[in-house]
């Protein structure tokens, strides 16, 4: 991959802690380029790096040290890193006074409890997609797992709705495949509860059902796959909804 090509791209909203891990790796790898973030709500942020040193930071209209507080307040964001220098999302121009890189990392709460291996960026780049299948049928979960793992996609499983609501918030999968009819909390209620969370607002959630008539929240779902389904039908939905960088790595 050339130095002018995009190195890492994440299309879904992710917890900012994942972006911090990437920033730590970029510094350790002594990378040069621009880490651009779009926070939930549309706030723009960016970090310039030269040989692993942070040389400038922007958050909306703020630059330099003034931007750090806004950056630290981000909870969820989309991000990408380019191996070239891009314009920071800020109206400010000219050089800025910056703290040293380690002080910036400390201020942002970037973990440094372990030394990163030299190939960490390649590992992040090749990170597998993570799909959670929520279905009380062990057979259905097994079929989905077989199809997805064959395509280098990591599969997480839940057998009931209450377990799924907790697991989705904790695990933050890229896509959820959700059965409608389950004992206890059904898929419709799971969807409502997940959509009420910060992470769940934009999370692709695809119903698995034998009939669309069972779905009360179809308008809030990303899609629907009717049982029984063929492998190409499942993978078609994955291609539409999984982050493109992770699909490329599959």
Protein backbone atom coordinates (compact mmCIF):
# COMPACT_ATOMS: atom_id res chain seq x y z
CA UNK A 1 0.00 0.00 0.00
CA UNK A 2 1.49 3.33 -1.04
CA UNK A 3 1.98 6.19 1.39
CA UNK A 4 -0.75 8.21 -0.35
CA UNK A 5 -3.43 5.55 0.03
CA UNK A 6 -5.96 5.29 2.79
CA UNK A 7 -4.65 2.95 5.49
CA UNK A 8 -7.56 2.53 7.88
CA UNK A 9 -11.23 3.27 7.32
CA UNK A 10 -14.18 2.73 9.64
CA UNK A 11 -17.59 3.60 8.28
CA UNK A 12 -19.74 2.85 11.33
CA UNK A 13 -19.82 4.84 14.54
CA UNK A 14 -17.45 3.24 17.04
CA UNK A 15 -16.57 3.97 20.63
CA UNK A 16 -13.84 6.61 20.70
CA UNK A 17 -11.63 4.19 22.60
CA UNK A 18 -11.10 2.26 19.36
CA UNK A 19 -9.92 5.43 17.61
CA UNK A 20 -7.56 6.09 20.52
CA UNK A 21 -6.03 2.65 20.05
CA UNK A 22 -5.40 3.46 16.40
CA UNK A 23 -3.81 6.80 17.35
CA UNK A 24 -1.52 5.03 19.82
CA UNK A 25 -0.51 2.54 17.13
CA UNK A 26 0.14 5.30 14.57
CA UNK A 27 2.46 7.07 17.00
CA UNK A 28 4.27 3.87 17.91
CA UNK A 29 4.65 3.02 14.22
CA UNK A 30 6.05 6.49 13.54
CA UNK A 31 3.46 7.06 10.83
CA UNK A 32 2.93 10.32 8.94
CA UNK A 33 -0.49 11.43 7.76
CA UNK A 34 -3.88 12.62 8.94
CA UNK A 35 -6.30 10.88 11.31
CA UNK A 36 -9.73 12.40 10.56
CA UNK A 37 -12.74 11.86 12.83
CA UNK A 38 -16.41 12.68 12.42
CA UNK A 39 -18.05 12.63 15.82
CA UNK A 40 -21.67 11.78 16.48
CA UNK A 41 -23.69 14.87 15.63
CA UNK A 42 -21.32 15.90 12.83
CA UNK A 43 -18.49 17.54 14.77
CA UNK A 44 -15.24 17.37 12.80
CA UNK A 45 -11.83 16.63 14.26
CA UNK A 46 -8.40 15.83 12.93
CA UNK A 47 -4.89 14.96 14.07
CA UNK A 48 -1.75 15.53 12.00
CA UNK A 49 1.21 13.21 12.55
CA UNK A 50 4.78 13.43 11.30
CA UNK A 51 6.89 10.35 11.96
CA UNK A 52 4.68 9.44 14.91
CA UNK A 53 4.71 12.92 16.45
CA UNK A 54 1.44 14.86 16.77
CA UNK A 55 2.05 18.24 15.12
CA UNK A 56 -1.46 19.69 15.01
CA UNK A 57 -4.97 18.98 16.30
CA UNK A 58 -8.34 20.41 15.24
CA UNK A 59 -11.85 20.22 16.61
CA UNK A 60 -14.51 22.20 14.73
CA UNK A 61 -13.15 25.78 14.64
CA UNK A 62 -10.41 25.22 17.23
CA UNK A 63 -6.78 24.37 16.54
CA UNK A 64 -3.81 23.25 18.59
CA UNK A 65 -4.03 22.87 22.35
CA UNK A 66 -7.38 24.68 22.38
CA UNK A 67 -8.89 21.77 20.44
CA UNK A 68 -7.84 19.05 22.88
CA UNK A 69 -10.75 19.45 25.32
CA UNK A 70 -13.29 19.06 22.51
CA UNK A 71 -11.44 16.04 21.19
CA UNK A 72 -11.40 14.39 24.62
CA UNK A 73 -15.17 14.84 24.88
CA UNK A 74 -15.89 12.63 21.86
CA UNK A 75 -17.72 9.42 22.75
CA UNK A 76 -18.46 7.90 19.34
CA UNK A 77 -16.94 8.71 15.95
CA UNK A 78 -16.25 7.53 12.44
CA UNK A 79 -12.58 7.76 11.54
CA UNK A 80 -10.09 7.18 8.77
CA UNK A 81 -6.35 7.62 8.45
CA UNK A 82 -4.66 8.81 5.28
CA UNK A 83 -0.97 8.42 4.63
CA UNK A 84 -0.87 11.96 3.34
CA UNK A 85 -1.51 15.39 4.81
CA UNK A 86 -5.08 16.65 4.50
CA UNK A 87 -6.68 19.92 5.47
CA UNK A 88 -7.85 19.77 9.05
CA UNK A 89 -11.59 20.38 9.60
CA UNK A 90 -11.01 23.85 11.06
CA UNK A 91 -11.27 27.45 9.91
CA UNK A 92 -8.05 28.36 11.71
CA UNK A 93 -4.89 28.81 9.67
CA UNK A 94 -1.22 29.04 10.41
CA UNK A 95 1.07 27.18 12.83
CA UNK A 96 -0.14 26.23 16.28
CA UNK A 97 1.61 25.71 19.59
CA UNK A 98 1.27 22.11 20.71
CA UNK A 99 2.11 20.08 23.77
CA UNK A 100 4.56 17.25 23.21
CA UNK A 101 3.04 14.06 21.81
CA UNK A 102 3.12 12.06 25.05
CA UNK A 103 1.41 14.89 26.96
CA UNK A 104 -1.31 14.95 24.32
CA UNK A 105 -1.79 11.19 24.54
CA UNK A 106 -1.97 11.41 28.33
CA UNK A 107 -4.52 14.24 28.14
CA UNK A 108 -6.71 12.25 25.73
CA UNK A 109 -6.46 9.13 27.90
CA UNK A 110 -4.74 7.05 25.23
CA UNK A 111 -3.64 3.77 26.86
CA UNK A 112 0.06 3.02 26.95
CA UNK A 113 0.21 0.08 29.36
CA UNK A 114 1.84 -2.17 26.76
CA UNK A 115 4.27 -1.67 23.93
CA UNK A 116 2.67 -2.20 20.55
CA UNK A 117 4.28 -4.59 18.11
CA UNK A 118 5.59 -3.08 14.84
CA UNK A 119 2.88 -4.79 12.77
CA UNK A 120 -0.03 -3.47 14.84
CA UNK A 121 -1.34 -1.21 12.05
CA UNK A 122 -1.47 -4.12 9.63
CA UNK A 123 -3.44 -6.07 12.22
CA UNK A 124 -5.90 -3.21 12.69
CA UNK A 125 -6.23 -2.86 8.94
CA UNK A 126 -7.06 -6.56 8.58
CA UNK A 127 -9.46 -6.62 11.52
CA UNK A 128 -12.35 -8.98 10.90
CA UNK A 129 -15.94 -7.87 10.66
CA UNK A 130 -18.01 -8.85 13.70
CA UNK A 131 -21.61 -9.96 13.26
CA UNK A 132 -23.92 -10.86 16.13
CA UNK A 133 -26.67 -13.39 15.41
CA UNK A 134 -29.57 -13.33 17.87
CA UNK A 135 -31.79 -16.39 17.54
CA UNK A 136 -33.18 -18.95 19.98
CA UNK A 137 -32.65 -21.70 17.38
CA UNK A 138 -29.27 -23.36 17.73
CA UNK A 139 -29.63 -24.68 14.17
CA UNK A 140 -30.16 -21.20 12.72
CA UNK A 141 -27.17 -19.84 14.62
CA UNK A 142 -25.07 -22.75 13.40
CA UNK A 143 -26.05 -22.18 9.75
CA UNK A 144 -25.30 -18.45 9.96
CA UNK A 145 -21.99 -19.10 11.74
CA UNK A 146 -20.91 -21.58 9.06
CA UNK A 147 -21.66 -19.17 6.21
CA UNK A 148 -20.06 -16.13 7.80
CA UNK A 149 -16.93 -17.78 9.20
CA UNK A 150 -16.30 -19.27 5.76
CA UNK A 151 -16.13 -15.67 4.56
CA UNK A 152 -13.70 -14.65 7.34
CA UNK A 153 -16.35 -12.89 9.43
CA UNK A 154 -16.31 -13.27 13.21
CA UNK A 155 -19.65 -14.42 14.64
CA UNK A 156 -21.03 -13.61 18.08
CA UNK A 157 -24.12 -15.48 19.30
CA UNK A 158 -27.04 -14.75 21.61
CA UNK A 159 -29.97 -17.06 22.21
CA UNK A 160 -32.44 -14.60 23.75
CA UNK A 161 -33.40 -10.94 23.55
CA UNK A 162 -32.39 -9.79 27.03
CA UNK A 163 -28.93 -11.26 26.60
CA UNK A 164 -28.66 -9.58 23.19
CA UNK A 165 -29.44 -6.05 24.43
CA UNK A 166 -26.59 -6.29 26.95
CA UNK A 167 -24.18 -8.01 24.57
CA UNK A 168 -24.71 -5.52 21.73
CA UNK A 169 -23.79 -2.58 23.96
CA UNK A 170 -20.76 -4.43 25.33
CA UNK A 171 -19.40 -6.07 22.18
CA UNK A 172 -20.38 -3.38 19.63
CA UNK A 173 -20.66 -5.64 16.58
CA UNK A 174 -20.65 -4.23 13.05
CA UNK A 175 -24.00 -5.84 12.16
CA UNK A 176 -26.76 -7.64 14.09
CA UNK A 177 -28.89 -10.44 12.62
CA UNK A 178 -32.04 -10.52 14.73
CA UNK A 179 -34.75 -13.18 15.00
CA UNK A 180 -38.28 -11.89 15.61
CA UNK A 181 -40.00 -14.68 17.53
CA UNK A 182 -38.08 -15.59 20.68
CA UNK A 183 -39.18 -16.52 24.22
CA UNK A 184 -39.25 -13.58 26.61
CA UNK A 185 -38.14 -10.42 24.83
CA UNK A 186 -38.87 -10.70 21.09
CA UNK A 187 -36.89 -9.14 18.27
CA UNK A 188 -39.17 -6.13 17.95
CA UNK A 189 -38.50 -5.11 21.54
CA UNK A 190 -34.77 -5.78 21.16
CA UNK A 191 -34.68 -3.43 18.20
CA UNK A 192 -36.54 -0.70 20.09
CA UNK A 193 -34.17 -0.90 23.05
CA UNK A 194 -31.00 -1.01 20.97
CA UNK A 195 -32.14 1.97 18.87
CA UNK A 196 -32.50 3.96 22.12
CA UNK A 197 -28.76 3.59 22.84
CA UNK A 198 -25.98 5.78 21.46
CA UNK A 199 -24.25 2.93 19.65
CA UNK A 200 -27.47 1.37 18.41
CA UNK A 201 -28.83 4.42 16.61
CA UNK A 202 -26.89 3.76 13.41
CA UNK A 203 -26.07 0.08 13.91
CA UNK A 204 -27.17 -2.10 10.94
CA UNK A 205 -29.82 -4.47 12.34
CA UNK A 206 -31.28 -7.03 9.95
CA UNK A 207 -34.29 -9.16 10.85
CA UNK A 208 -34.25 -12.91 10.33
CA UNK A 209 -37.85 -14.12 10.08
CA UNK A 210 -40.18 -16.57 8.38
CA UNK A 211 -42.68 -13.78 7.67
CA UNK A 212 -42.48 -9.99 7.47
CA UNK A 213 -45.94 -9.83 9.04
CA UNK A 214 -44.31 -10.65 12.39
CA UNK A 215 -42.24 -7.47 12.30
CA UNK A 216 -43.63 -4.45 14.11
CA UNK A 217 -40.53 -2.29 13.70
CA UNK A 218 -39.66 -2.88 10.04
CA UNK A 219 -39.17 0.83 9.43
CA UNK A 220 -36.47 0.97 12.11
CA UNK A 221 -34.65 -2.09 10.81
CA UNK A 222 -31.87 -1.98 8.22
CA UNK A 223 -33.23 -4.95 6.29
CA UNK A 224 -34.93 -8.31 6.41
CA UNK A 225 -33.91 -11.83 5.42
CA UNK A 226 -36.66 -14.43 5.12
CA UNK A 227 -36.09 -17.95 6.45
CA UNK A 228 -35.06 -20.29 4.98
CA UNK A 229 -32.36 -18.27 3.23
CA UNK A 230 -29.52 -19.07 0.85
CA UNK A 231 -25.89 -18.21 1.59
CA UNK A 232 -25.77 -15.63 -1.22
CA UNK A 233 -28.78 -13.82 0.27
CA UNK A 234 -27.04 -13.53 3.62
CA UNK A 235 -23.74 -12.40 2.09
CA UNK A 236 -25.53 -9.84 -0.07
CA UNK A 237 -26.77 -8.14 3.10
CA UNK A 238 -23.27 -8.33 4.59
CA UNK A 239 -21.77 -6.61 1.54
CA UNK A 240 -24.32 -3.81 1.87
CA UNK A 241 -23.85 -3.21 5.57
CA UNK A 242 -20.38 -4.22 6.75
CA UNK A 243 -17.52 -1.65 6.76
CA UNK A 244 -15.85 -1.76 3.36
CA UNK A 245 -12.32 -2.01 4.79
CA UNK A 246 -13.18 -5.14 6.75
CA UNK A 247 -14.88 -6.77 3.78
CA UNK A 248 -11.79 -6.09 1.68
CA UNK A 249 -9.74 -7.90 4.31
CA UNK A 250 -12.03 -10.93 4.28
